[in-house]
Amino acid sequence: MAENRIVLVTDIAWQSTEPEEKVLAEVGAKLVLAQTGCEEELLRLVPDADAILTNWKQVPASVVRAGDKLQVISRYGIGVDNIAVAEATRLGILVTNVPVYCLDEVSEHTLALVLVCARKVCQYNTSVHAGEWSVSSHGPLLRIRGKTLGIIGFGNIARTLAPKLKAFGLQILVFDPFVDDETVGSYGCSKAGLEDLLGNSDFVTIHAPLTDTTRGLLNAQQLHRMKPTAFLINTSRGAIVDPTALVQALSQGWIAGAALDVFTPEPLPVEHPLLSLTNVILTPHVSFYSEESLMDLEIQAAQNVAAIFSGRRPSAVVNPEILALPRWAHLR
């Protein structure tokens, strides 16, 4: 077994890397934790690294190119929009992720946001704390049974969410050009075009990855298609929604409200206009979080690296086309 392998950790959102350390120690690797995760620091540290573990910090093409020893870049999470995947692929470097991570957590958080929008829970809570006791102050309230909810993107999280929503009696429309009608139907949902989904849904929730195609997918034109009584929920990526158009939609009444866990930028600056609006619920990119999900994430992301160091194929490869290269012929 090769010893003294270095795994560069760009950033973490938890207190300890002990789970990763235990997994990687078994394959003779140790962690080097970046202090800031900025590009300059990563460029200084990456030449000695055999692998990168990254959470939210950017791993740009410059860092990938500087990693002469790099074998793998492993994402703590599902989306890989913070990694220069194309450059890694060009250089024959594997990129891995954890696609089964936080399915329960994000689907539960999304469901909670749907319910607090429907029941105006946050608004009533604020009113009661301010000394106002009025049922009608934030009405009218409507039951959600029989209403329509649109899901944009039908990957693992959305498929975990759909049965939970169905239990509340919601009709579900799905927009995902990469998923066939039969798969959507097997979850009791109906496939729809984006415009039809936006025009017919009382709630719209986003579960698509951030790509060149989805960036700004919901712009002013699309937000105008939504009902003025509808709510937008986003627990995916902030950049899928045009931020300027979203503020307009909320402040000018194009839609009734929104519930957001993701933003552009993150964290929101103190002067951001979303913070002054009363018809938007904001949470700090926390939908992924539970104590159980973090432990799973740390272990599984580290296991992807350990698998490669042990000559095994990791459980989830983002760029599997490069497995055909001679470099990876030994993986079993």
C-alpha atoms as a PDB file:
ATOM      1  CA  MET A   1       0.000   0.000   0.000  1.00  0.00           C
ATOM      2  CA  ALA A   2       1.316   3.419  -0.924  1.00  0.00           C
ATOM      3  CA  GLU A   3       1.865   5.636   2.091  1.00  0.00           C
ATOM      4  CA  ASN A   4       1.715   9.348   2.766  1.00  0.00           C
ATOM      5  CA  ARG A   5      -0.970  10.142   0.248  1.00  0.00           C
ATOM      6  CA  ILE A   6      -2.305  13.670   0.721  1.00  0.00           C
ATOM      7  CA  VAL A   7      -5.990  14.548   0.515  1.00  0.00           C
ATOM      8  CA  LEU A   8      -6.563  18.299   0.322  1.00  0.00           C
ATOM      9  CA  VAL A   9      -9.811  19.430   1.970  1.00  0.00           C
ATOM     10  CA  THR A  10     -10.909  22.800   0.595  1.00  0.00           C
ATOM     11  CA  ASP A  11     -13.633  23.485   3.180  1.00  0.00           C
ATOM     12  CA  ILE A  12     -16.097  21.835   5.542  1.00  0.00           C
ATOM     13  CA  ALA A  13     -19.410  22.814   7.154  1.00  0.00           C
ATOM     14  CA  TRP A  14     -18.959  20.692  10.275  1.00  0.00           C
ATOM     15  CA  GLN A  15     -16.726  20.658  13.331  1.00  0.00           C
ATOM     16  CA  SER A  16     -14.538  17.606  12.789  1.00  0.00           C
ATOM     17  CA  THR A  17     -12.973  15.603   9.972  1.00  0.00           C
ATOM     18  CA  GLU A  18     -12.530  12.561  12.189  1.00  0.00           C
ATOM     19  CA  PRO A  19     -14.810  10.296  10.085  1.00  0.00           C
ATOM     20  CA  GLU A  20     -12.819  11.094   6.914  1.00  0.00           C
ATOM     21  CA  GLU A  21      -9.539  10.645   8.724  1.00  0.00           C
ATOM     22  CA  LYS A  22     -10.504   7.148   9.867  1.00  0.00           C
ATOM     23  CA  VAL A  23     -11.589   6.070   6.381  1.00  0.00           C
ATOM     24  CA  LEU A  24      -8.506   7.464   4.654  1.00  0.00           C
ATOM     25  CA  ALA A  25      -6.000   6.296   7.263  1.00  0.00           C
ATOM     26  CA  GLU A  26      -6.835   2.741   6.184  1.00  0.00           C
ATOM     27  CA  VAL A  27      -5.366   3.478   2.745  1.00  0.00           C
ATOM     28  CA  GLY A  28      -2.327   5.374   3.980  1.00  0.00           C
ATOM     29  CA  ALA A  29      -3.709   8.872   3.404  1.00  0.00           C
ATOM     30  CA  LYS A  30      -3.867  11.941   5.581  1.00  0.00           C
ATOM     31  CA  LEU A  31      -5.867  15.137   5.339  1.00  0.00           C
ATOM     32  CA  VAL A  32      -4.571  18.646   4.797  1.00  0.00           C
ATOM     33  CA  LEU A  33      -7.307  21.147   5.627  1.00  0.00           C
ATOM     34  CA  ALA A  34      -7.144  24.488   3.808  1.00  0.00           C
ATOM     35  CA  GLN A  35      -7.570  27.540   6.012  1.00  0.00           C
ATOM     36  CA  THR A  36      -9.499  29.753   3.585  1.00  0.00           C
ATOM     37  CA  GLY A  37     -10.096  27.589   0.512  1.00  0.00           C
ATOM     38  CA  CYS A  38      -9.338  30.564  -1.729  1.00  0.00           C
ATOM     39  CA  GLU A  39      -7.827  29.953  -5.147  1.00  0.00           C
ATOM     40  CA  GLU A  40      -4.413  31.301  -4.130  1.00  0.00           C
ATOM     41  CA  GLU A  41      -4.182  28.945  -1.159  1.00  0.00           C
ATOM     42  CA  LEU A  42      -5.385  25.936  -3.150  1.00  0.00           C
ATOM     43  CA  LEU A  43      -2.832  26.642  -5.875  1.00  0.00           C
ATOM     44  CA  ARG A  44      -0.144  26.530  -3.211  1.00  0.00           C
ATOM     45  CA  LEU A  45      -1.347  23.290  -1.618  1.00  0.00           C
ATOM     46  CA  VAL A  46      -2.620  21.219  -4.551  1.00  0.00           C
ATOM     47  CA  PRO A  47       0.751  20.211  -6.106  1.00  0.00           C
ATOM     48  CA  ASP A  48       1.316  17.858  -3.167  1.00  0.00           C
ATOM     49  CA  ALA A  49      -2.237  16.456  -3.214  1.00  0.00           C
ATOM     50  CA  ASP A  50      -3.286  13.067  -4.549  1.00  0.00           C
ATOM     51  CA  ALA A  51      -6.954  13.931  -4.066  1.00  0.00           C
ATOM     52  CA  ILE A  52      -9.261  16.815  -3.222  1.00  0.00           C
ATOM     53  CA  LEU A  53     -12.315  16.730  -0.963  1.00  0.00           C
ATOM     54  CA  THR A  54     -14.461  19.798  -1.506  1.00  0.00           C
ATOM     55  CA  ASN A  55     -17.688  21.097  -0.049  1.00  0.00           C
ATOM     56  CA  TRP A  56     -18.715  24.583  -1.243  1.00  0.00           C
ATOM     57  CA  LYS A  57     -15.441  26.228  -2.270  1.00  0.00           C
ATOM     58  CA  GLN A  58     -14.648  26.589  -5.945  1.00  0.00           C
ATOM     59  CA  VAL A  59     -12.161  24.175  -7.505  1.00  0.00           C
ATOM     60  CA  PRO A  60     -11.415  26.104 -10.710  1.00  0.00           C
ATOM     61  CA  ALA A  61      -9.540  24.880 -13.769  1.00  0.00           C
ATOM     62  CA  SER A  62      -6.361  26.595 -12.570  1.00  0.00           C
ATOM     63  CA  VAL A  63      -6.331  24.485  -9.402  1.00  0.00           C
ATOM     64  CA  VAL A  64      -7.109  21.298 -11.322  1.00  0.00           C
ATOM     65  CA  ARG A  65      -4.221  21.944 -13.716  1.00  0.00           C
ATOM     66  CA  ALA A  66      -1.831  22.605 -10.841  1.00  0.00           C
ATOM     67  CA  GLY A  67      -2.560  19.222  -9.284  1.00  0.00           C
ATOM     68  CA  ASP A  68       0.168  17.187 -10.959  1.00  0.00           C
ATOM     69  CA  LYS A  69      -0.520  14.195  -8.689  1.00  0.00           C
ATOM     70  CA  LEU A  70      -4.304  14.482  -8.588  1.00  0.00           C
ATOM     71  CA  GLN A  71      -6.246  11.282  -9.098  1.00  0.00           C
ATOM     72  CA  VAL A  72      -9.695  12.320  -7.892  1.00  0.00           C
ATOM     73  CA  ILE A  73     -11.775  15.310  -6.846  1.00  0.00           C
ATOM     74  CA  SER A  74     -14.500  14.146  -4.482  1.00  0.00           C
ATOM     75  CA  ARG A  75     -17.498  16.374  -3.750  1.00  0.00           C
ATOM     76  CA  TYR A  76     -19.097  16.436  -0.331  1.00  0.00           C
ATOM     77  CA  GLY A  77     -22.588  16.422  -1.835  1.00  0.00           C
ATOM     78  CA  ILE A  78     -24.560  15.953  -5.025  1.00  0.00           C
ATOM     79  CA  GLY A  79     -24.009  18.950  -7.301  1.00  0.00           C
ATOM     80  CA  VAL A  80     -20.591  19.506  -8.859  1.00  0.00           C
ATOM     81  CA  ASP A  81     -21.094  23.034 -10.194  1.00  0.00           C
ATOM     82  CA  ASN A  82     -18.234  24.264  -7.973  1.00  0.00           C
ATOM     83  CA  ILE A  83     -15.750  21.930  -9.702  1.00  0.00           C
ATOM     84  CA  ALA A  84     -14.146  22.432 -13.130  1.00  0.00           C
ATOM     85  CA  VAL A  85     -15.358  19.011 -14.263  1.00  0.00           C
ATOM     86  CA  ALA A  86     -14.505  19.565 -17.921  1.00  0.00           C
ATOM     87  CA  GLU A  87     -10.891  20.369 -17.072  1.00  0.00           C
ATOM     88  CA  ALA A  88     -10.638  17.385 -14.744  1.00  0.00           C
ATOM     89  CA  THR A  89     -12.021  15.151 -17.471  1.00  0.00           C
ATOM     90  CA  ARG A  90      -9.557  16.539 -20.006  1.00  0.00           C
ATOM     91  CA  LEU A  91      -6.709  15.694 -17.654  1.00  0.00           C
ATOM     92  CA  GLY A  92      -8.012  12.226 -16.824  1.00  0.00           C
ATOM     93  CA  ILE A  93      -8.893  13.086 -13.216  1.00  0.00           C
ATOM     94  CA  LEU A  94     -11.934  11.368 -11.763  1.00  0.00           C
ATOM     95  CA  VAL A  95     -14.699  13.461 -10.203  1.00  0.00           C
ATOM     96  CA  THR A  96     -16.979  11.778  -7.694  1.00  0.00           C
ATOM     97  CA  ASN A  97     -20.003  12.822  -5.668  1.00  0.00           C
ATOM     98  CA  VAL A  98     -22.556  11.405  -3.234  1.00  0.00           C
ATOM     99  CA  PRO A  99     -25.834  11.322  -5.182  1.00  0.00           C
ATOM    100  CA  VAL A 100     -27.800   9.568  -2.415  1.00  0.00           C
ATOM    101  CA  TYR A 101     -26.863  12.189   0.172  1.00  0.00           C
ATOM    102  CA  CYS A 102     -29.500  14.093   2.213  1.00  0.00           C
ATOM    103  CA  LEU A 103     -32.486  12.810   0.234  1.00  0.00           C
ATOM    104  CA  ASP A 104     -34.661  12.719   3.346  1.00  0.00           C
ATOM    105  CA  GLU A 105     -33.351  16.015   4.686  1.00  0.00           C
ATOM    106  CA  VAL A 106     -33.888  18.113   1.544  1.00  0.00           C
ATOM    107  CA  SER A 107     -37.259  16.520   0.790  1.00  0.00           C
ATOM    108  CA  GLU A 108     -38.380  17.128   4.400  1.00  0.00           C
ATOM    109  CA  HIS A 109     -37.156  20.731   4.305  1.00  0.00           C
ATOM    110  CA  THR A 110     -38.962  21.306   1.008  1.00  0.00           C
ATOM    111  CA  LEU A 111     -42.157  19.806   2.388  1.00  0.00           C
ATOM    112  CA  ALA A 112     -41.861  22.033   5.455  1.00  0.00           C
ATOM    113  CA  LEU A 113     -41.494  25.108   3.232  1.00  0.00           C
ATOM    114  CA  VAL A 114     -44.550  24.134   1.194  1.00  0.00           C
ATOM    115  CA  LEU A 115     -46.585  23.823   4.385  1.00  0.00           C
ATOM    116  CA  VAL A 116     -45.397  27.088   5.954  1.00  0.00           C
ATOM    117  CA  CYS A 117     -46.185  28.910   2.713  1.00  0.00           C
ATOM    118  CA  ALA A 118     -49.654  27.385   2.551  1.00  0.00           C
ATOM    119  CA  ARG A 119     -50.431  28.009   6.227  1.00  0.00           C
ATOM    120  CA  LYS A 120     -48.575  31.368   6.547  1.00  0.00           C
ATOM    121  CA  VAL A 121     -46.875  29.991   9.658  1.00  0.00           C
ATOM    122  CA  CYS A 122     -43.969  32.445   9.669  1.00  0.00           C
ATOM    123  CA  GLN A 123     -46.204  35.475   9.188  1.00  0.00           C
ATOM    124  CA  TYR A 124     -48.568  34.452  11.982  1.00  0.00           C
ATOM    125  CA  ASN A 125     -45.636  33.710  14.276  1.00  0.00           C
ATOM    126  CA  THR A 126     -44.231  37.200  13.691  1.00  0.00           C
ATOM    127  CA  SER A 127     -47.630  38.792  14.317  1.00  0.00           C
ATOM    128  CA  VAL A 128     -48.243  36.950  17.574  1.00  0.00           C
ATOM    129  CA  HIS A 129     -44.768  37.860  18.850  1.00  0.00           C
ATOM    130  CA  ALA A 130     -45.592  41.480  18.013  1.00  0.00           C
ATOM    131  CA  GLY A 131     -48.775  41.305  20.113  1.00  0.00           C
ATOM    132  CA  GLU A 132     -51.260  40.936  17.264  1.00  0.00           C
ATOM    133  CA  TRP A 133     -53.830  38.162  17.693  1.00  0.00           C
ATOM    134  CA  SER A 134     -55.814  38.005  14.467  1.00  0.00           C
ATOM    135  CA  VAL A 135     -56.886  35.040  12.362  1.00  0.00           C
ATOM    136  CA  SER A 136     -57.613  37.232   9.337  1.00  0.00           C
ATOM    137  CA  SER A 137     -54.393  39.242   9.325  1.00  0.00           C
ATOM    138  CA  HIS A 138     -52.656  36.931   6.861  1.00  0.00           C
ATOM    139  CA  GLY A 139     -55.573  35.270   5.110  1.00  0.00           C
ATOM    140  CA  PRO A 140     -57.120  33.917   3.149  1.00  0.00           C
ATOM    141  CA  LEU A 141     -55.790  30.425   3.857  1.00  0.00           C
ATOM    142  CA  LEU A 142     -56.696  27.572   1.528  1.00  0.00           C
ATOM    143  CA  ARG A 143     -56.322  23.844   2.038  1.00  0.00           C
ATOM    144  CA  ILE A 144     -53.601  22.217  -0.052  1.00  0.00           C
ATOM    145  CA  ARG A 145     -55.474  18.999  -0.791  1.00  0.00           C
ATOM    146  CA  GLY A 146     -56.456  19.125  -4.438  1.00  0.00           C
ATOM    147  CA  LYS A 147     -53.986  21.868  -5.299  1.00  0.00           C
ATOM    148  CA  THR A 148     -51.271  21.410  -7.939  1.00  0.00           C
ATOM    149  CA  LEU A 149     -47.557  21.375  -7.254  1.00  0.00           C
ATOM    150  CA  GLY A 150     -44.917  21.541  -9.980  1.00  0.00           C
ATOM    151  CA  ILE A 151     -41.499  19.915  -9.606  1.00  0.00           C
ATOM    152  CA  ILE A 152     -38.658  21.166 -11.803  1.00  0.00           C
ATOM    153  CA  GLY A 153     -36.065  18.380 -12.044  1.00  0.00           C
ATOM    154  CA  PHE A 154     -36.899  14.782 -11.133  1.00  0.00           C
ATOM    155  CA  GLY A 155     -33.747  13.274  -9.693  1.00  0.00           C
ATOM    156  CA  ASN A 156     -33.294  11.365  -6.458  1.00  0.00           C
ATOM    157  CA  ILE A 157     -34.413  14.170  -4.145  1.00  0.00           C
ATOM    158  CA  ALA A 158     -37.552  14.908  -6.141  1.00  0.00           C
ATOM    159  CA  ARG A 159     -38.391  11.207  -6.276  1.00  0.00           C
ATOM    160  CA  THR A 160     -38.049  11.034  -2.501  1.00  0.00           C
ATOM    161  CA  LEU A 161     -40.230  14.125  -2.134  1.00  0.00           C
ATOM    162  CA  ALA A 162     -43.054  13.124  -4.475  1.00  0.00           C
ATOM    163  CA  PRO A 163     -44.648  10.405  -2.265  1.00  0.00           C
ATOM    164  CA  LYS A 164     -44.546  12.754   0.723  1.00  0.00           C
ATOM    165  CA  LEU A 165     -46.386  15.407  -1.250  1.00  0.00           C
ATOM    166  CA  LYS A 166     -48.897  12.906  -2.616  1.00  0.00           C
ATOM    167  CA  ALA A 167     -49.819  12.006   0.960  1.00  0.00           C
ATOM    168  CA  PHE A 168     -51.161  15.555   1.344  1.00  0.00           C
ATOM    169  CA  GLY A 169     -53.451  15.121  -1.658  1.00  0.00           C
ATOM    170  CA  LEU A 170     -51.504  17.334  -4.048  1.00  0.00           C
ATOM    171  CA  GLN A 171     -51.588  16.814  -7.791  1.00  0.00           C
ATOM    172  CA  ILE A 172     -48.009  16.817  -9.078  1.00  0.00           C
ATOM    173  CA  LEU A 173     -46.643  18.009 -12.420  1.00  0.00           C
ATOM    174  CA  VAL A 174     -43.024  17.302 -13.373  1.00  0.00           C
ATOM    175  CA  PHE A 175     -40.727  19.077 -15.796  1.00  0.00           C
ATOM    176  CA  ASP A 176     -37.564  17.157 -16.611  1.00  0.00           C
ATOM    177  CA  PRO A 177     -36.543  16.645 -20.251  1.00  0.00           C
ATOM    178  CA  PHE A 178     -34.212  13.812 -19.243  1.00  0.00           C
ATOM    179  CA  VAL A 179     -36.817  11.626 -17.523  1.00  0.00           C
ATOM    180  CA  ASP A 180     -39.423   9.654 -19.462  1.00  0.00           C
ATOM    181  CA  ASP A 181     -43.185   9.711 -18.932  1.00  0.00           C
ATOM    182  CA  GLU A 182     -43.256   6.166 -17.575  1.00  0.00           C
ATOM    183  CA  THR A 183     -40.787   6.943 -14.784  1.00  0.00           C
ATOM    184  CA  VAL A 184     -42.668  10.098 -13.816  1.00  0.00           C
ATOM    185  CA  GLY A 185     -45.960   8.208 -13.895  1.00  0.00           C
ATOM    186  CA  SER A 186     -44.629   5.478 -11.641  1.00  0.00           C
ATOM    187  CA  TYR A 187     -44.474   8.079  -8.859  1.00  0.00           C
ATOM    188  CA  GLY A 188     -48.077   9.119  -9.408  1.00  0.00           C
ATOM    189  CA  CYS A 189     -47.024  12.328 -11.166  1.00  0.00           C
ATOM    190  CA  SER A 190     -47.724  13.758 -14.625  1.00  0.00           C
ATOM    191  CA  LYS A 191     -45.079  15.082 -16.981  1.00  0.00           C
ATOM    192  CA  ALA A 192     -45.509  18.620 -18.306  1.00  0.00           C
ATOM    193  CA  GLY A 193     -43.681  21.279 -20.258  1.00  0.00           C
ATOM    194  CA  LEU A 194     -42.127  24.067 -18.234  1.00  0.00           C
ATOM    195  CA  GLU A 195     -44.631  26.704 -19.343  1.00  0.00           C
ATOM    196  CA  ASP A 196     -47.627  24.471 -18.559  1.00  0.00           C
ATOM    197  CA  LEU A 197     -46.172  23.574 -15.183  1.00  0.00           C
ATOM    198  CA  LEU A 198     -45.595  27.189 -14.230  1.00  0.00           C
ATOM    199  CA  GLY A 199     -49.020  28.285 -15.427  1.00  0.00           C
ATOM    200  CA  ASN A 200     -50.963  25.553 -13.638  1.00  0.00           C
ATOM    201  CA  SER A 201     -49.122  25.075 -10.352  1.00  0.00           C
ATOM    202  CA  ASP A 202     -50.051  26.536  -6.981  1.00  0.00           C
ATOM    203  CA  PHE A 203     -46.571  25.664  -5.697  1.00  0.00           C
ATOM    204  CA  VAL A 204     -43.391  25.272  -7.759  1.00  0.00           C
ATOM    205  CA  THR A 205     -40.346  23.580  -6.245  1.00  0.00           C
ATOM    206  CA  ILE A 206     -36.915  23.358  -7.878  1.00  0.00           C
ATOM    207  CA  HIS A 207     -34.770  20.217  -7.735  1.00  0.00           C
ATOM    208  CA  ALA A 208     -32.596  20.533 -10.840  1.00  0.00           C
ATOM    209  CA  PRO A 209     -28.786  20.676 -10.876  1.00  0.00           C
ATOM    210  CA  LEU A 210     -27.076  23.930 -11.787  1.00  0.00           C
ATOM    211  CA  THR A 211     -25.745  23.609 -15.336  1.00  0.00           C
ATOM    212  CA  ASP A 212     -25.289  25.927 -18.301  1.00  0.00           C
ATOM    213  CA  THR A 213     -28.820  24.951 -19.338  1.00  0.00           C
ATOM    214  CA  THR A 214     -30.515  25.541 -15.982  1.00  0.00           C
ATOM    215  CA  ARG A 215     -28.674  28.709 -14.949  1.00  0.00           C
ATOM    216  CA  GLY A 216     -31.301  31.471 -15.012  1.00  0.00           C
ATOM    217  CA  LEU A 217     -33.961  28.969 -16.124  1.00  0.00           C
ATOM    218  CA  LEU A 218     -36.625  30.891 -14.235  1.00  0.00           C
ATOM    219  CA  ASN A 219     -36.250  34.408 -15.573  1.00  0.00           C
ATOM    220  CA  ALA A 220     -38.712  37.296 -15.635  1.00  0.00           C
ATOM    221  CA  GLN A 221     -40.656  35.799 -18.530  1.00  0.00           C
ATOM    222  CA  GLN A 222     -41.054  32.452 -16.788  1.00  0.00           C
ATOM    223  CA  LEU A 223     -41.923  33.957 -13.407  1.00  0.00           C
ATOM    224  CA  HIS A 224     -44.642  35.999 -15.096  1.00  0.00           C
ATOM    225  CA  ARG A 225     -46.207  32.704 -16.206  1.00  0.00           C
ATOM    226  CA  MET A 226     -46.834  31.676 -12.615  1.00  0.00           C
ATOM    227  CA  LYS A 227     -50.148  32.328 -10.912  1.00  0.00           C
ATOM    228  CA  PRO A 228     -50.232  35.472  -8.759  1.00  0.00           C
ATOM    229  CA  THR A 229     -51.414  33.182  -5.943  1.00  0.00           C
ATOM    230  CA  ALA A 230     -48.519  30.708  -6.391  1.00  0.00           C
ATOM    231  CA  PHE A 231     -45.428  30.113  -4.277  1.00  0.00           C
ATOM    232  CA  LEU A 232     -41.893  29.318  -5.432  1.00  0.00           C
ATOM    233  CA  ILE A 233     -39.704  26.997  -3.321  1.00  0.00           C
ATOM    234  CA  ASN A 234     -35.996  26.555  -4.048  1.00  0.00           C
ATOM    235  CA  THR A 235     -33.750  24.136  -2.150  1.00  0.00           C
ATOM    236  CA  SER A 236     -31.521  23.348  -5.152  1.00  0.00           C
ATOM    237  CA  ARG A 237     -29.277  26.165  -6.400  1.00  0.00           C
ATOM    238  CA  GLY A 238     -29.930  29.891  -6.210  1.00  0.00           C
ATOM    239  CA  ALA A 239     -28.625  30.660  -9.695  1.00  0.00           C
ATOM    240  CA  ILE A 240     -31.390  28.597 -11.332  1.00  0.00           C
ATOM    241  CA  VAL A 241     -33.647  31.593 -10.640  1.00  0.00           C
ATOM    242  CA  ASP A 242     -32.718  35.024 -11.983  1.00  0.00           C
ATOM    243  CA  PRO A 243     -32.190  36.955  -8.724  1.00  0.00           C
ATOM    244  CA  THR A 244     -33.272  40.341 -10.069  1.00  0.00           C
ATOM    245  CA  ALA A 245     -36.415  38.897 -11.612  1.00  0.00           C
ATOM    246  CA  LEU A 246     -37.229  37.067  -8.382  1.00  0.00           C
ATOM    247  CA  VAL A 247     -37.087  40.268  -6.337  1.00  0.00           C
ATOM    248  CA  GLN A 248     -39.363  41.926  -8.892  1.00  0.00           C
ATOM    249  CA  ALA A 249     -41.779  39.001  -8.823  1.00  0.00           C
ATOM    250  CA  LEU A 250     -42.045  39.167  -5.042  1.00  0.00           C
ATOM    251  CA  SER A 251     -42.157  42.936  -4.645  1.00  0.00           C
ATOM    252  CA  GLN A 252     -44.550  43.548  -7.544  1.00  0.00           C
ATOM    253  CA  GLY A 253     -46.956  40.704  -6.848  1.00  0.00           C
ATOM    254  CA  TRP A 254     -46.261  38.500  -9.852  1.00  0.00           C
ATOM    255  CA  ILE A 255     -46.338  35.614  -7.360  1.00  0.00           C
ATOM    256  CA  ALA A 256     -47.708  35.353  -3.821  1.00  0.00           C
ATOM    257  CA  GLY A 257     -44.432  34.440  -2.178  1.00  0.00           C
ATOM    258  CA  ALA A 258     -41.349  32.269  -2.057  1.00  0.00           C
ATOM    259  CA  ALA A 259     -39.414  30.059   0.335  1.00  0.00           C
ATOM    260  CA  LEU A 260     -35.686  29.882  -0.365  1.00  0.00           C
ATOM    261  CA  ASP A 261     -32.803  27.897   1.084  1.00  0.00           C
ATOM    262  CA  VAL A 262     -30.300  28.764  -1.663  1.00  0.00           C
ATOM    263  CA  PHE A 263     -29.187  32.109  -3.032  1.00  0.00           C
ATOM    264  CA  THR A 264     -26.924  34.061  -5.343  1.00  0.00           C
ATOM    265  CA  PRO A 265     -24.675  35.044  -3.656  1.00  0.00           C
ATOM    266  CA  GLU A 266     -24.294  33.068  -0.444  1.00  0.00           C
ATOM    267  CA  PRO A 267     -24.430  34.261   2.232  1.00  0.00           C
ATOM    268  CA  LEU A 268     -26.800  37.091   1.405  1.00  0.00           C
ATOM    269  CA  PRO A 269     -25.236  40.520   1.986  1.00  0.00           C
ATOM    270  CA  VAL A 270     -27.000  42.554   4.658  1.00  0.00           C
ATOM    271  CA  GLU A 271     -28.326  45.038   2.093  1.00  0.00           C
ATOM    272  CA  HIS A 272     -29.861  42.382  -0.182  1.00  0.00           C
ATOM    273  CA  PRO A 273     -33.457  43.318  -1.138  1.00  0.00           C
ATOM    274  CA  LEU A 274     -34.792  39.853  -0.296  1.00  0.00           C
ATOM    275  CA  LEU A 275     -34.141  40.588   3.372  1.00  0.00           C
ATOM    276  CA  SER A 276     -36.642  43.464   3.363  1.00  0.00           C
ATOM    277  CA  LEU A 277     -39.528  41.534   1.812  1.00  0.00           C
ATOM    278  CA  THR A 278     -42.258  40.065   4.006  1.00  0.00           C
ATOM    279  CA  ASN A 279     -43.535  37.492   1.515  1.00  0.00           C
ATOM    280  CA  VAL A 280     -40.370  35.399   1.366  1.00  0.00           C
ATOM    281  CA  ILE A 281     -39.124  32.779   3.845  1.00  0.00           C
ATOM    282  CA  LEU A 282     -35.341  32.477   4.038  1.00  0.00           C
ATOM    283  CA  THR A 283     -33.217  29.686   5.486  1.00  0.00           C
ATOM    284  CA  PRO A 284     -29.378  29.620   5.340  1.00  0.00           C
ATOM    285  CA  HIS A 285     -28.700  26.737   2.901  1.00  0.00           C
ATOM    286  CA  VAL A 286     -29.516  24.291   5.676  1.00  0.00           C
ATOM    287  CA  SER A 287     -31.812  21.820   3.911  1.00  0.00           C
ATOM    288  CA  PHE A 288     -28.991  19.271   3.618  1.00  0.00           C
ATOM    289  CA  TYR A 289     -28.393  19.201   7.347  1.00  0.00           C
ATOM    290  CA  SER A 290     -29.027  16.567   9.961  1.00  0.00           C
ATOM    291  CA  GLU A 291     -26.513  14.944  12.246  1.00  0.00           C
ATOM    292  CA  GLU A 292     -27.112  11.668  10.429  1.00  0.00           C
ATOM    293  CA  SER A 293     -26.728  13.158   6.951  1.00  0.00           C
ATOM    294  CA  LEU A 294     -23.415  14.838   7.790  1.00  0.00           C
ATOM    295  CA  MET A 295     -21.931  11.626   9.123  1.00  0.00           C
ATOM    296  CA  ASP A 296     -23.074   9.752   6.007  1.00  0.00           C
ATOM    297  CA  LEU A 297     -21.654  12.472   3.782  1.00  0.00           C
ATOM    298  CA  GLU A 298     -18.223  12.613   5.382  1.00  0.00           C
ATOM    299  CA  ILE A 299     -17.838   8.857   5.259  1.00  0.00           C
ATOM    300  CA  GLN A 300     -19.149   8.342   1.721  1.00  0.00           C
ATOM    301  CA  ALA A 301     -17.139  11.192   0.172  1.00  0.00           C
ATOM    302  CA  ALA A 302     -14.000   9.830   1.827  1.00  0.00           C
ATOM    303  CA  GLN A 303     -14.851   6.298   0.721  1.00  0.00           C
ATOM    304  CA  ASN A 304     -14.907   7.473  -2.892  1.00  0.00           C
ATOM    305  CA  VAL A 305     -11.306   8.617  -2.495  1.00  0.00           C
ATOM    306  CA  ALA A 306     -10.279   5.500  -0.555  1.00  0.00           C
ATOM    307  CA  ALA A 307     -11.753   3.267  -3.257  1.00  0.00           C
ATOM    308  CA  ILE A 308      -9.504   4.786  -5.917  1.00  0.00           C
ATOM    309  CA  PHE A 309      -6.439   4.539  -3.685  1.00  0.00           C
ATOM    310  CA  SER A 310      -7.333   0.842  -3.187  1.00  0.00           C
ATOM    311  CA  GLY A 311      -7.751   0.096  -6.898  1.00  0.00           C
ATOM    312  CA  ARG A 312     -11.536  -0.041  -6.741  1.00  0.00           C
ATOM    313  CA  ARG A 313     -14.123   1.882  -8.687  1.00  0.00           C
ATOM    314  CA  PRO A 314     -15.895   4.451  -6.458  1.00  0.00           C
ATOM    315  CA  SER A 315     -19.628   4.234  -6.001  1.00  0.00           C
ATOM    316  CA  ALA A 316     -20.438   7.402  -7.960  1.00  0.00           C
ATOM    317  CA  VAL A 317     -18.325   8.792 -10.810  1.00  0.00           C
ATOM    318  CA  VAL A 318     -19.440  12.047 -12.449  1.00  0.00           C
ATOM    319  CA  ASN A 319     -17.214  11.622 -15.533  1.00  0.00           C
ATOM    320  CA  PRO A 320     -17.263   7.844 -16.145  1.00  0.00           C
ATOM    321  CA  GLU A 321     -16.060   8.230 -19.736  1.00  0.00           C
ATOM    322  CA  ILE A 322     -12.475   8.549 -18.527  1.00  0.00           C
ATOM    323  CA  LEU A 323     -12.579   5.116 -16.891  1.00  0.00           C
ATOM    324  CA  ALA A 324     -11.684   3.780 -20.347  1.00  0.00           C
ATOM    325  CA  LEU A 325      -8.274   5.472 -20.138  1.00  0.00           C
ATOM    326  CA  PRO A 326      -5.253   3.210 -19.518  1.00  0.00           C
ATOM    327  CA  ARG A 327      -4.684   5.163 -16.305  1.00  0.00           C
ATOM    328  CA  TRP A 328      -7.773   3.573 -14.796  1.00  0.00           C
ATOM    329  CA  ALA A 329      -7.539   0.074 -16.292  1.00  0.00           C
ATOM    330  CA  HIS A 330      -6.588  -1.335 -12.878  1.00  0.00           C
ATOM    331  CA  LEU A 331      -9.820  -0.295 -11.175  1.00  0.00           C
ATOM    332  CA  ARG A 332     -12.007  -3.281 -10.438  1.00  0.00           C
END
